[in-house]
Amino acid sequence: MHRVVEAKGNNNISLMRWAKNRKAQQWKFDPVAKVLRNMNWTNYIMEIPSNGGANNLKISGTISSRWWQLFRWQAPHLVNEKGKVMDVHGGVDDENRNIIVWNKHKGLNQQWDLVYADEYPDEPKKGELNKDFGLYVDRPFYVVSQLNSHRYLDMINTRQFVIKTRNGRTSQTWYFHQQSLTIRSKTNNQSWDI
C-alpha cells in the first residue's frame, strides 16, 4: 500500500493513504522563496515549528525562508538546511502517523520516493488487479478450502463464516472493494472484520 505525506490544515504533516487528486498530498517547490508549498493550502509551506526548535513538521502561513523552512531533495531523503531529514515518527507504517525531522540514519522510515502528481499511477478500476493486495477490484470470487472436499467459504447469519459445499448462493461470493481496501460479501456488501 502506498502512503504519502499529507498536510492536515494548520496541523502536523502525516502519512496517509494516497488518494487521487487530493491536493493536500501534493507539494510544489517555490523557486523564489525556496520553500515547499502545499497545493491545497497554497499560501502554506512546510516548516519545522518554533523556528526549528521542534521535531514535528507542520505547514505554516508565515514565510521567512529561514533554515527551518528550507528543504532540498537528496535522494532518497528530503533534507533541511541543518541536515535533519523527513522521518516517519517511530518508523511505524500506520495511517495518520506524524512526520517529523530527525538526524539522518539508514532507516527506511527516512527514505522516500519523489513522484510527480502527473506521473502517479491511478488506483485500479473495476476488473483491474490491485497489485498490493493481489485481488481484482469488484470482481466476484470464491474462497475454496484445500481440504479433500474443497468446500467454499460461506457466511451464515450475516456474520459467521463456515465452509459448505458449493451451492451457488451469494453468501459464498466475495469481492475486493477498492475504496475501503476490504473484502466484501455479495450478500450484504459488508466487509470482512476480525
N, C-alpha and C. Protein backbone atom coordinates (compact mmCIF):
# COMPACT_ATOMS: atom_id res chain seq x y z
N MET A 1 0.85 -1.17 0.00
CA MET A 1 0.00 0.00 0.00
C MET A 1 0.90 1.23 0.00
N HIS A 2 0.58 2.17 -0.84
CA HIS A 2 1.38 3.38 -0.94
C HIS A 2 0.79 4.46 -0.03
N ARG A 3 1.67 5.02 0.78
CA ARG A 3 1.27 6.14 1.62
C ARG A 3 2.10 7.35 1.24
N VAL A 4 1.53 8.50 1.42
CA VAL A 4 2.18 9.75 1.03
C VAL A 4 2.09 10.76 2.16
N VAL A 5 2.87 11.82 2.04
CA VAL A 5 2.89 12.89 3.02
C VAL A 5 1.73 13.84 2.73
N GLU A 6 0.92 14.09 3.76
CA GLU A 6 -0.27 14.94 3.58
C GLU A 6 -0.30 16.03 4.64
N ALA A 7 -0.67 17.23 4.23
CA ALA A 7 -0.85 18.35 5.16
C ALA A 7 -2.27 18.28 5.72
N LYS A 8 -2.39 18.52 7.03
CA LYS A 8 -3.69 18.48 7.71
C LYS A 8 -4.05 19.87 8.20
N GLY A 9 -4.41 20.75 7.29
CA GLY A 9 -4.74 22.11 7.71
C GLY A 9 -3.53 22.77 8.33
N ASN A 10 -3.71 23.43 9.45
CA ASN A 10 -2.58 24.06 10.14
C ASN A 10 -2.06 23.13 11.23
N ASN A 11 -2.13 21.83 10.97
CA ASN A 11 -1.69 20.85 11.94
C ASN A 11 -0.45 20.13 11.44
N ASN A 12 -0.12 19.04 12.11
CA ASN A 12 1.04 18.26 11.71
C ASN A 12 0.87 17.70 10.31
N ILE A 13 1.97 17.39 9.71
CA ILE A 13 2.01 16.69 8.44
C ILE A 13 2.07 15.22 8.77
N SER A 14 1.29 14.40 8.08
CA SER A 14 1.23 12.99 8.45
C SER A 14 1.27 12.08 7.23
N LEU A 15 1.41 10.81 7.50
CA LEU A 15 1.47 9.77 6.49
C LEU A 15 0.05 9.28 6.24
N MET A 16 -0.40 9.35 4.98
CA MET A 16 -1.77 8.96 4.65
C MET A 16 -1.79 8.10 3.40
N ARG A 17 -2.84 7.31 3.26
CA ARG A 17 -3.04 6.52 2.05
C ARG A 17 -3.25 7.47 0.88
N TRP A 18 -2.60 7.18 -0.23
CA TRP A 18 -2.71 8.02 -1.41
C TRP A 18 -4.15 8.07 -1.87
N ALA A 19 -4.62 9.27 -2.23
CA ALA A 19 -5.95 9.47 -2.80
C ALA A 19 -5.80 10.33 -4.04
N LYS A 20 -6.34 9.85 -5.12
CA LYS A 20 -6.19 10.55 -6.39
C LYS A 20 -6.71 11.98 -6.29
N ASN A 21 -5.92 12.91 -6.76
CA ASN A 21 -6.26 14.33 -6.83
C ASN A 21 -6.46 15.00 -5.47
N ARG A 22 -6.01 14.40 -4.39
CA ARG A 22 -6.11 15.08 -3.10
C ARG A 22 -4.97 16.09 -3.00
N LYS A 23 -5.31 17.35 -3.13
CA LYS A 23 -4.32 18.43 -3.20
C LYS A 23 -3.49 18.55 -1.92
N ALA A 24 -4.04 18.15 -0.79
CA ALA A 24 -3.29 18.22 0.47
C ALA A 24 -2.09 17.27 0.46
N GLN A 25 -2.06 16.33 -0.50
CA GLN A 25 -0.95 15.39 -0.62
C GLN A 25 0.06 15.84 -1.68
N GLN A 26 -0.20 16.97 -2.29
CA GLN A 26 0.68 17.45 -3.35
C GLN A 26 1.45 18.69 -2.89
N TRP A 27 2.69 18.75 -3.31
CA TRP A 27 3.59 19.84 -2.92
C TRP A 27 4.26 20.39 -4.17
N LYS A 28 4.69 21.63 -4.10
CA LYS A 28 5.48 22.19 -5.19
C LYS A 28 6.59 23.04 -4.61
N PHE A 29 7.68 23.10 -5.35
CA PHE A 29 8.81 23.91 -4.93
C PHE A 29 8.61 25.33 -5.42
N ASP A 30 8.69 26.29 -4.50
CA ASP A 30 8.59 27.71 -4.83
C ASP A 30 10.02 28.20 -5.06
N PRO A 31 10.40 28.49 -6.32
CA PRO A 31 11.79 28.84 -6.61
C PRO A 31 12.20 30.22 -6.08
N VAL A 32 11.25 31.10 -5.80
CA VAL A 32 11.58 32.43 -5.29
C VAL A 32 11.88 32.34 -3.79
N ALA A 33 10.93 31.79 -3.00
CA ALA A 33 11.12 31.68 -1.55
C ALA A 33 11.96 30.47 -1.17
N LYS A 34 12.15 29.51 -2.11
CA LYS A 34 12.91 28.28 -1.90
C LYS A 34 12.31 27.41 -0.80
N VAL A 35 10.97 27.31 -0.82
CA VAL A 35 10.22 26.53 0.16
C VAL A 35 9.31 25.55 -0.56
N LEU A 36 8.77 24.58 0.19
CA LEU A 36 7.81 23.63 -0.35
C LEU A 36 6.41 24.09 0.01
N ARG A 37 5.61 24.38 -1.00
CA ARG A 37 4.23 24.84 -0.80
C ARG A 37 3.27 23.66 -0.94
N ASN A 38 2.21 23.69 -0.12
CA ASN A 38 1.17 22.68 -0.25
C ASN A 38 0.19 23.13 -1.33
N MET A 39 -0.27 22.20 -2.15
CA MET A 39 -1.14 22.55 -3.28
C MET A 39 -2.59 22.79 -2.85
N ASN A 40 -2.97 22.34 -1.66
CA ASN A 40 -4.33 22.59 -1.18
C ASN A 40 -4.39 23.95 -0.49
N TRP A 41 -3.43 24.20 0.38
CA TRP A 41 -3.33 25.47 1.08
C TRP A 41 -2.14 26.20 0.45
N THR A 42 -2.37 26.86 -0.67
CA THR A 42 -1.28 27.40 -1.48
C THR A 42 -0.48 28.49 -0.79
N ASN A 43 -1.02 29.10 0.23
CA ASN A 43 -0.26 30.10 0.98
C ASN A 43 0.49 29.50 2.17
N TYR A 44 0.46 28.17 2.29
CA TYR A 44 1.11 27.50 3.40
C TYR A 44 2.30 26.69 2.90
N ILE A 45 3.33 26.63 3.73
CA ILE A 45 4.55 25.92 3.37
C ILE A 45 4.93 24.92 4.46
N MET A 46 5.81 23.99 4.12
CA MET A 46 6.32 23.01 5.09
C MET A 46 7.38 23.69 5.95
N GLU A 47 7.30 23.47 7.27
CA GLU A 47 8.32 24.02 8.15
C GLU A 47 8.44 23.21 9.43
N ILE A 48 9.58 23.40 10.09
CA ILE A 48 9.78 22.87 11.44
C ILE A 48 9.33 23.98 12.39
N PRO A 49 8.26 23.75 13.18
CA PRO A 49 7.73 24.84 14.01
C PRO A 49 8.71 25.32 15.09
N SER A 50 8.32 26.38 15.74
CA SER A 50 9.11 27.02 16.81
C SER A 50 10.48 27.43 16.29
N ASN A 51 10.50 27.97 15.07
CA ASN A 51 11.75 28.41 14.44
C ASN A 51 12.80 27.31 14.44
N GLY A 52 12.33 26.09 14.17
CA GLY A 52 13.23 24.94 14.09
C GLY A 52 13.49 24.25 15.41
N GLY A 53 12.79 24.70 16.46
CA GLY A 53 13.03 24.14 17.79
C GLY A 53 12.27 22.87 18.09
N ALA A 54 11.40 22.43 17.19
CA ALA A 54 10.61 21.21 17.40
C ALA A 54 11.08 20.12 16.45
N ASN A 55 10.54 18.92 16.63
CA ASN A 55 10.88 17.82 15.73
C ASN A 55 9.78 17.50 14.73
N ASN A 56 8.56 17.93 15.01
CA ASN A 56 7.47 17.61 14.09
C ASN A 56 7.49 18.56 12.90
N LEU A 57 6.79 18.19 11.85
CA LEU A 57 6.65 19.05 10.68
C LEU A 57 5.23 19.55 10.61
N LYS A 58 5.06 20.81 10.25
CA LYS A 58 3.73 21.42 10.10
C LYS A 58 3.73 22.25 8.83
N ILE A 59 2.55 22.77 8.51
CA ILE A 59 2.51 23.79 7.47
C ILE A 59 2.24 25.12 8.14
N SER A 60 2.81 26.17 7.57
CA SER A 60 2.72 27.49 8.15
C SER A 60 2.41 28.51 7.07
N GLY A 61 1.72 29.57 7.44
CA GLY A 61 1.41 30.64 6.51
C GLY A 61 2.43 31.77 6.55
N THR A 62 3.41 31.67 7.44
CA THR A 62 4.44 32.69 7.56
C THR A 62 5.69 32.22 6.82
N ILE A 63 6.07 32.97 5.79
CA ILE A 63 7.24 32.58 5.00
C ILE A 63 8.39 33.53 5.32
N SER A 64 9.46 32.96 5.88
CA SER A 64 10.65 33.75 6.18
C SER A 64 11.86 33.24 5.41
N SER A 65 11.70 32.08 4.75
CA SER A 65 12.80 31.44 4.01
C SER A 65 14.03 31.24 4.90
N ARG A 66 13.79 30.91 6.15
CA ARG A 66 14.87 30.60 7.09
C ARG A 66 15.12 29.10 7.08
N TRP A 67 16.17 28.65 7.74
CA TRP A 67 16.61 27.25 7.64
C TRP A 67 15.51 26.25 8.00
N TRP A 68 14.61 26.62 8.91
CA TRP A 68 13.56 25.68 9.33
C TRP A 68 12.47 25.54 8.27
N GLN A 69 12.56 26.30 7.19
CA GLN A 69 11.59 26.20 6.09
C GLN A 69 12.24 25.75 4.77
N LEU A 70 13.53 25.56 4.78
CA LEU A 70 14.25 25.21 3.55
C LEU A 70 14.59 23.72 3.52
N PHE A 71 14.11 23.04 2.48
CA PHE A 71 14.35 21.62 2.30
C PHE A 71 14.86 21.38 0.89
N ARG A 72 15.67 20.37 0.73
CA ARG A 72 16.13 20.00 -0.61
C ARG A 72 16.05 18.48 -0.76
N TRP A 73 15.92 18.06 -2.01
CA TRP A 73 15.83 16.64 -2.33
C TRP A 73 17.24 16.10 -2.57
N GLN A 74 17.65 15.15 -1.72
CA GLN A 74 18.90 14.42 -1.88
C GLN A 74 18.53 12.95 -1.78
N ALA A 75 18.10 12.39 -2.91
CA ALA A 75 17.52 11.05 -2.96
C ALA A 75 18.31 10.05 -2.12
N PRO A 76 17.63 9.26 -1.29
CA PRO A 76 16.19 9.16 -1.09
C PRO A 76 15.70 9.98 0.11
N HIS A 77 16.34 11.10 0.41
CA HIS A 77 15.99 11.89 1.59
C HIS A 77 15.52 13.29 1.21
N LEU A 78 14.60 13.82 2.03
CA LEU A 78 14.24 15.23 1.97
C LEU A 78 14.93 15.85 3.18
N VAL A 79 15.90 16.72 2.92
CA VAL A 79 16.82 17.21 3.95
C VAL A 79 16.61 18.70 4.15
N ASN A 80 16.62 19.15 5.43
CA ASN A 80 16.53 20.59 5.67
C ASN A 80 17.94 21.17 5.73
N GLU A 81 18.02 22.48 5.82
CA GLU A 81 19.31 23.18 5.73
C GLU A 81 20.28 22.83 6.87
N LYS A 82 19.78 22.28 7.97
CA LYS A 82 20.65 21.90 9.09
C LYS A 82 20.96 20.40 9.08
N GLY A 83 20.58 19.70 7.99
CA GLY A 83 20.92 18.29 7.86
C GLY A 83 19.90 17.32 8.45
N LYS A 84 18.82 17.83 9.02
CA LYS A 84 17.76 16.94 9.52
C LYS A 84 16.96 16.42 8.32
N VAL A 85 16.46 15.20 8.45
CA VAL A 85 15.71 14.61 7.33
C VAL A 85 14.28 14.31 7.75
N MET A 86 13.40 14.28 6.75
CA MET A 86 12.00 13.93 7.00
C MET A 86 11.93 12.47 7.40
N ASP A 87 11.17 12.16 8.46
CA ASP A 87 11.18 10.86 9.11
C ASP A 87 9.75 10.50 9.52
N VAL A 88 9.36 9.24 9.30
CA VAL A 88 8.08 8.75 9.82
C VAL A 88 8.31 8.42 11.29
N HIS A 89 7.62 9.11 12.17
CA HIS A 89 7.85 9.00 13.62
C HIS A 89 7.81 7.56 14.10
N GLY A 90 8.89 7.14 14.73
CA GLY A 90 8.98 5.81 15.32
C GLY A 90 9.15 4.69 14.29
N GLY A 91 9.21 5.04 13.02
CA GLY A 91 9.37 4.02 11.98
C GLY A 91 8.17 3.13 11.80
N VAL A 92 7.00 3.58 12.27
CA VAL A 92 5.78 2.78 12.21
C VAL A 92 4.96 3.19 10.99
N ASP A 93 4.69 2.23 10.11
CA ASP A 93 3.95 2.48 8.87
C ASP A 93 2.45 2.41 9.14
N ASP A 94 1.92 3.43 9.79
CA ASP A 94 0.50 3.50 10.12
C ASP A 94 -0.13 4.71 9.46
N GLU A 95 -1.40 4.55 9.13
CA GLU A 95 -2.16 5.66 8.59
C GLU A 95 -2.21 6.78 9.63
N ASN A 96 -2.04 8.01 9.17
CA ASN A 96 -2.11 9.21 10.01
C ASN A 96 -0.93 9.33 10.98
N ARG A 97 0.15 8.64 10.70
CA ARG A 97 1.36 8.71 11.53
C ARG A 97 2.05 10.05 11.30
N ASN A 98 2.49 10.71 12.36
CA ASN A 98 3.15 12.01 12.24
C ASN A 98 4.47 11.91 11.50
N ILE A 99 4.75 12.95 10.71
CA ILE A 99 6.03 13.10 10.04
C ILE A 99 6.84 14.11 10.84
N ILE A 100 8.08 13.74 11.14
CA ILE A 100 8.96 14.60 11.93
C ILE A 100 10.26 14.82 11.15
N VAL A 101 11.17 15.59 11.72
CA VAL A 101 12.54 15.66 11.22
C VAL A 101 13.45 15.03 12.28
N TRP A 102 14.50 14.37 11.81
CA TRP A 102 15.38 13.66 12.73
C TRP A 102 16.77 13.58 12.12
N ASN A 103 17.75 13.24 12.95
CA ASN A 103 19.09 13.03 12.42
C ASN A 103 19.08 11.87 11.44
N LYS A 104 19.84 12.00 10.40
CA LYS A 104 19.87 11.01 9.32
C LYS A 104 20.47 9.70 9.82
N HIS A 105 19.79 8.59 9.50
CA HIS A 105 20.30 7.24 9.75
C HIS A 105 19.88 6.39 8.56
N LYS A 106 20.08 5.12 8.59
CA LYS A 106 19.82 4.27 7.42
C LYS A 106 18.43 3.64 7.43
N GLY A 107 17.54 4.11 8.28
CA GLY A 107 16.21 3.53 8.39
C GLY A 107 15.33 3.81 7.19
N LEU A 108 14.47 2.84 6.87
CA LEU A 108 13.52 3.02 5.77
C LEU A 108 12.53 4.13 6.05
N ASN A 109 12.30 4.43 7.33
CA ASN A 109 11.35 5.48 7.68
C ASN A 109 11.85 6.88 7.31
N GLN A 110 13.09 6.97 6.80
CA GLN A 110 13.61 8.25 6.34
C GLN A 110 13.83 8.28 4.83
N GLN A 111 13.50 7.18 4.17
CA GLN A 111 13.73 7.09 2.74
C GLN A 111 12.41 7.27 1.98
N TRP A 112 12.46 8.08 0.95
CA TRP A 112 11.26 8.47 0.23
C TRP A 112 11.46 8.35 -1.27
N ASP A 113 10.38 8.20 -1.99
CA ASP A 113 10.37 8.34 -3.44
C ASP A 113 9.68 9.66 -3.74
N LEU A 114 10.20 10.37 -4.69
CA LEU A 114 9.56 11.60 -5.14
C LEU A 114 8.83 11.26 -6.43
N VAL A 115 7.50 11.33 -6.42
CA VAL A 115 6.69 11.00 -7.58
C VAL A 115 5.86 12.23 -7.93
N TYR A 116 6.04 12.73 -9.14
CA TYR A 116 5.28 13.90 -9.56
C TYR A 116 3.82 13.51 -9.77
N ALA A 117 2.92 14.41 -9.38
CA ALA A 117 1.48 14.11 -9.36
C ALA A 117 0.97 13.63 -10.71
N ASP A 118 1.49 14.20 -11.79
CA ASP A 118 1.00 13.77 -13.10
C ASP A 118 1.57 12.43 -13.54
N GLU A 119 2.52 11.88 -12.76
CA GLU A 119 3.10 10.57 -13.05
C GLU A 119 2.60 9.48 -12.10
N TYR A 120 1.85 9.87 -11.06
CA TYR A 120 1.42 8.90 -10.06
C TYR A 120 0.38 7.97 -10.70
N PRO A 121 0.55 6.67 -10.53
CA PRO A 121 -0.41 5.74 -11.18
C PRO A 121 -1.80 5.85 -10.56
N ASP A 122 -2.80 5.68 -11.41
CA ASP A 122 -4.18 5.68 -10.93
C ASP A 122 -4.44 4.42 -10.10
N GLU A 123 -5.43 4.51 -9.22
CA GLU A 123 -5.86 3.32 -8.49
C GLU A 123 -6.51 2.37 -9.48
N PRO A 124 -6.40 1.06 -9.22
CA PRO A 124 -7.05 0.11 -10.12
C PRO A 124 -8.56 0.33 -10.17
N LYS A 125 -9.12 0.14 -11.35
CA LYS A 125 -10.56 0.28 -11.55
C LYS A 125 -11.20 -1.10 -11.55
N LYS A 126 -12.51 -1.14 -11.65
CA LYS A 126 -13.25 -2.39 -11.64
C LYS A 126 -12.65 -3.38 -12.65
N GLY A 127 -12.36 -4.58 -12.16
CA GLY A 127 -11.81 -5.63 -13.00
C GLY A 127 -10.30 -5.61 -13.12
N GLU A 128 -9.64 -4.55 -12.62
CA GLU A 128 -8.19 -4.47 -12.68
C GLU A 128 -7.56 -5.01 -11.39
N LEU A 129 -6.34 -5.50 -11.50
CA LEU A 129 -5.63 -6.08 -10.37
C LEU A 129 -5.08 -4.99 -9.46
N ASN A 130 -5.34 -5.10 -8.16
CA ASN A 130 -4.68 -4.27 -7.16
C ASN A 130 -3.44 -5.06 -6.75
N LYS A 131 -2.28 -4.66 -7.23
CA LYS A 131 -1.04 -5.42 -7.02
C LYS A 131 -0.65 -5.50 -5.55
N ASP A 132 -0.98 -4.48 -4.77
CA ASP A 132 -0.63 -4.50 -3.34
C ASP A 132 -1.40 -5.57 -2.59
N PHE A 133 -2.61 -5.89 -3.03
CA PHE A 133 -3.46 -6.85 -2.33
C PHE A 133 -3.61 -8.17 -3.09
N GLY A 134 -3.19 -8.19 -4.36
CA GLY A 134 -3.28 -9.41 -5.16
C GLY A 134 -4.70 -9.79 -5.53
N LEU A 135 -5.61 -8.84 -5.51
CA LEU A 135 -7.02 -9.10 -5.80
C LEU A 135 -7.51 -8.16 -6.91
N TYR A 136 -8.46 -8.65 -7.70
CA TYR A 136 -9.06 -7.83 -8.75
C TYR A 136 -10.21 -7.02 -8.16
N VAL A 137 -10.29 -5.76 -8.52
CA VAL A 137 -11.30 -4.85 -7.97
C VAL A 137 -12.69 -5.22 -8.47
N ASP A 138 -13.62 -5.35 -7.53
CA ASP A 138 -15.04 -5.61 -7.81
C ASP A 138 -15.28 -6.81 -8.72
N ARG A 139 -14.39 -7.78 -8.68
CA ARG A 139 -14.54 -8.99 -9.50
C ARG A 139 -14.92 -10.14 -8.56
N PRO A 140 -16.12 -10.69 -8.69
CA PRO A 140 -16.57 -11.73 -7.76
C PRO A 140 -15.64 -12.95 -7.75
N PHE A 141 -15.44 -13.51 -6.54
CA PHE A 141 -14.61 -14.72 -6.40
C PHE A 141 -15.13 -15.58 -5.26
N TYR A 142 -14.66 -16.82 -5.24
CA TYR A 142 -14.97 -17.77 -4.17
C TYR A 142 -13.68 -18.05 -3.42
N VAL A 143 -13.79 -18.42 -2.16
CA VAL A 143 -12.65 -18.87 -1.37
C VAL A 143 -12.89 -20.36 -1.12
N VAL A 144 -12.01 -21.18 -1.70
CA VAL A 144 -12.19 -22.63 -1.69
C VAL A 144 -11.14 -23.29 -0.81
N SER A 145 -11.59 -24.11 0.13
CA SER A 145 -10.69 -24.84 1.03
C SER A 145 -9.88 -25.87 0.25
N GLN A 146 -8.66 -26.08 0.67
CA GLN A 146 -7.81 -27.10 0.06
C GLN A 146 -7.95 -28.45 0.76
N LEU A 147 -8.86 -28.56 1.73
CA LEU A 147 -9.16 -29.86 2.32
C LEU A 147 -9.79 -30.75 1.24
N ASN A 148 -9.88 -32.05 1.49
CA ASN A 148 -10.31 -33.02 0.48
C ASN A 148 -11.63 -32.67 -0.21
N SER A 149 -12.59 -32.14 0.51
CA SER A 149 -13.91 -31.87 -0.08
C SER A 149 -13.98 -30.54 -0.84
N HIS A 150 -12.95 -29.69 -0.73
CA HIS A 150 -12.89 -28.41 -1.42
C HIS A 150 -14.17 -27.59 -1.22
N ARG A 151 -14.55 -27.41 0.04
CA ARG A 151 -15.75 -26.65 0.36
C ARG A 151 -15.47 -25.14 0.21
N TYR A 152 -16.57 -24.39 0.07
CA TYR A 152 -16.49 -22.95 -0.15
C TYR A 152 -16.71 -22.19 1.14
N LEU A 153 -16.00 -21.08 1.30
CA LEU A 153 -16.26 -20.19 2.43
C LEU A 153 -17.66 -19.63 2.25
N ASP A 154 -18.46 -19.72 3.31
CA ASP A 154 -19.86 -19.29 3.25
C ASP A 154 -20.13 -18.45 4.49
N MET A 155 -21.11 -17.58 4.39
CA MET A 155 -21.49 -16.74 5.51
C MET A 155 -22.92 -17.08 5.92
N ILE A 156 -23.10 -17.38 7.21
CA ILE A 156 -24.44 -17.63 7.73
C ILE A 156 -24.76 -16.58 8.78
N ASN A 157 -26.02 -16.30 8.97
CA ASN A 157 -26.46 -15.31 9.96
C ASN A 157 -25.80 -13.95 9.73
N THR A 158 -25.42 -13.64 8.51
CA THR A 158 -24.78 -12.39 8.09
C THR A 158 -23.52 -12.02 8.86
N ARG A 159 -23.00 -12.93 9.67
CA ARG A 159 -21.80 -12.59 10.43
C ARG A 159 -20.85 -13.77 10.63
N GLN A 160 -21.30 -14.98 10.52
CA GLN A 160 -20.50 -16.14 10.87
C GLN A 160 -19.99 -16.83 9.61
N PHE A 161 -18.70 -17.16 9.60
CA PHE A 161 -18.09 -17.85 8.47
C PHE A 161 -18.02 -19.35 8.73
N VAL A 162 -18.37 -20.13 7.72
CA VAL A 162 -18.29 -21.59 7.76
C VAL A 162 -17.83 -22.05 6.38
N ILE A 163 -17.53 -23.35 6.25
CA ILE A 163 -17.29 -23.90 4.92
C ILE A 163 -18.45 -24.83 4.57
N LYS A 164 -18.90 -24.74 3.31
CA LYS A 164 -20.03 -25.53 2.84
C LYS A 164 -19.76 -26.00 1.42
N THR A 165 -20.49 -27.01 1.03
CA THR A 165 -20.44 -27.46 -0.35
C THR A 165 -20.93 -26.32 -1.24
N ARG A 166 -20.36 -26.21 -2.41
CA ARG A 166 -20.76 -25.15 -3.34
C ARG A 166 -22.27 -25.22 -3.59
N ASN A 167 -22.94 -24.04 -3.43
CA ASN A 167 -24.39 -24.03 -3.58
C ASN A 167 -24.90 -22.92 -4.50
N GLY A 168 -24.00 -22.07 -5.02
CA GLY A 168 -24.40 -21.03 -5.96
C GLY A 168 -25.03 -19.80 -5.32
N ARG A 169 -25.09 -19.75 -4.01
CA ARG A 169 -25.68 -18.59 -3.33
C ARG A 169 -24.66 -17.45 -3.22
N THR A 170 -25.17 -16.23 -3.10
CA THR A 170 -24.28 -15.08 -2.97
C THR A 170 -23.52 -15.09 -1.64
N SER A 171 -23.97 -15.88 -0.67
CA SER A 171 -23.27 -15.97 0.62
C SER A 171 -21.90 -16.62 0.46
N GLN A 172 -21.62 -17.21 -0.71
CA GLN A 172 -20.32 -17.80 -0.98
C GLN A 172 -19.50 -16.95 -1.97
N THR A 173 -20.04 -15.80 -2.32
CA THR A 173 -19.38 -14.95 -3.31
C THR A 173 -18.86 -13.68 -2.64
N TRP A 174 -17.61 -13.32 -2.97
CA TRP A 174 -16.91 -12.20 -2.35
C TRP A 174 -16.35 -11.30 -3.43
N TYR A 175 -15.98 -10.08 -3.05
CA TYR A 175 -15.31 -9.17 -3.98
C TYR A 175 -14.41 -8.22 -3.20
N PHE A 176 -13.40 -7.69 -3.90
CA PHE A 176 -12.49 -6.72 -3.30
C PHE A 176 -12.99 -5.32 -3.58
N HIS A 177 -13.19 -4.52 -2.52
CA HIS A 177 -13.71 -3.16 -2.61
C HIS A 177 -12.53 -2.19 -2.55
N GLN A 178 -12.24 -1.51 -3.65
CA GLN A 178 -11.05 -0.66 -3.76
C GLN A 178 -11.06 0.52 -2.79
N GLN A 179 -12.18 1.18 -2.61
CA GLN A 179 -12.20 2.37 -1.76
C GLN A 179 -11.86 2.06 -0.31
N SER A 180 -12.36 0.96 0.22
CA SER A 180 -12.09 0.62 1.62
C SER A 180 -10.94 -0.37 1.76
N LEU A 181 -10.47 -0.94 0.62
CA LEU A 181 -9.41 -1.95 0.61
C LEU A 181 -9.79 -3.17 1.45
N THR A 182 -11.06 -3.56 1.38
CA THR A 182 -11.54 -4.71 2.14
C THR A 182 -12.20 -5.72 1.21
N ILE A 183 -12.33 -6.95 1.72
CA ILE A 183 -13.09 -7.98 1.02
C ILE A 183 -14.51 -7.91 1.55
N ARG A 184 -15.48 -7.89 0.62
CA ARG A 184 -16.88 -7.75 1.00
C ARG A 184 -17.71 -8.91 0.48
N SER A 185 -18.84 -9.11 1.15
CA SER A 185 -19.80 -10.15 0.76
C SER A 185 -20.73 -9.62 -0.32
N LYS A 186 -21.05 -10.48 -1.29
CA LYS A 186 -22.03 -10.11 -2.31
C LYS A 186 -23.44 -10.13 -1.74
N THR A 187 -23.63 -10.78 -0.58
CA THR A 187 -24.95 -10.86 0.04
C THR A 187 -25.38 -9.51 0.62
N ASN A 188 -24.50 -8.89 1.41
CA ASN A 188 -24.91 -7.66 2.11
C ASN A 188 -23.88 -6.53 1.99
N ASN A 189 -22.84 -6.72 1.18
CA ASN A 189 -21.80 -5.71 0.95
C ASN A 189 -21.05 -5.33 2.22
N GLN A 190 -21.09 -6.16 3.26
CA GLN A 190 -20.34 -5.89 4.47
C GLN A 190 -18.92 -6.44 4.31
N SER A 191 -17.96 -5.73 4.93
CA SER A 191 -16.56 -6.12 4.85
C SER A 191 -16.21 -7.19 5.87
N TRP A 192 -15.23 -8.00 5.51
CA TRP A 192 -14.67 -8.94 6.49
C TRP A 192 -14.11 -8.14 7.63
N ASP A 193 -14.26 -8.67 8.83
CA ASP A 193 -13.80 -7.96 10.02
C ASP A 193 -13.40 -8.99 11.06
N ILE A 194 -12.38 -8.66 11.81
CA ILE A 194 -11.96 -9.54 12.92
C ILE A 194 -12.60 -9.02 14.18
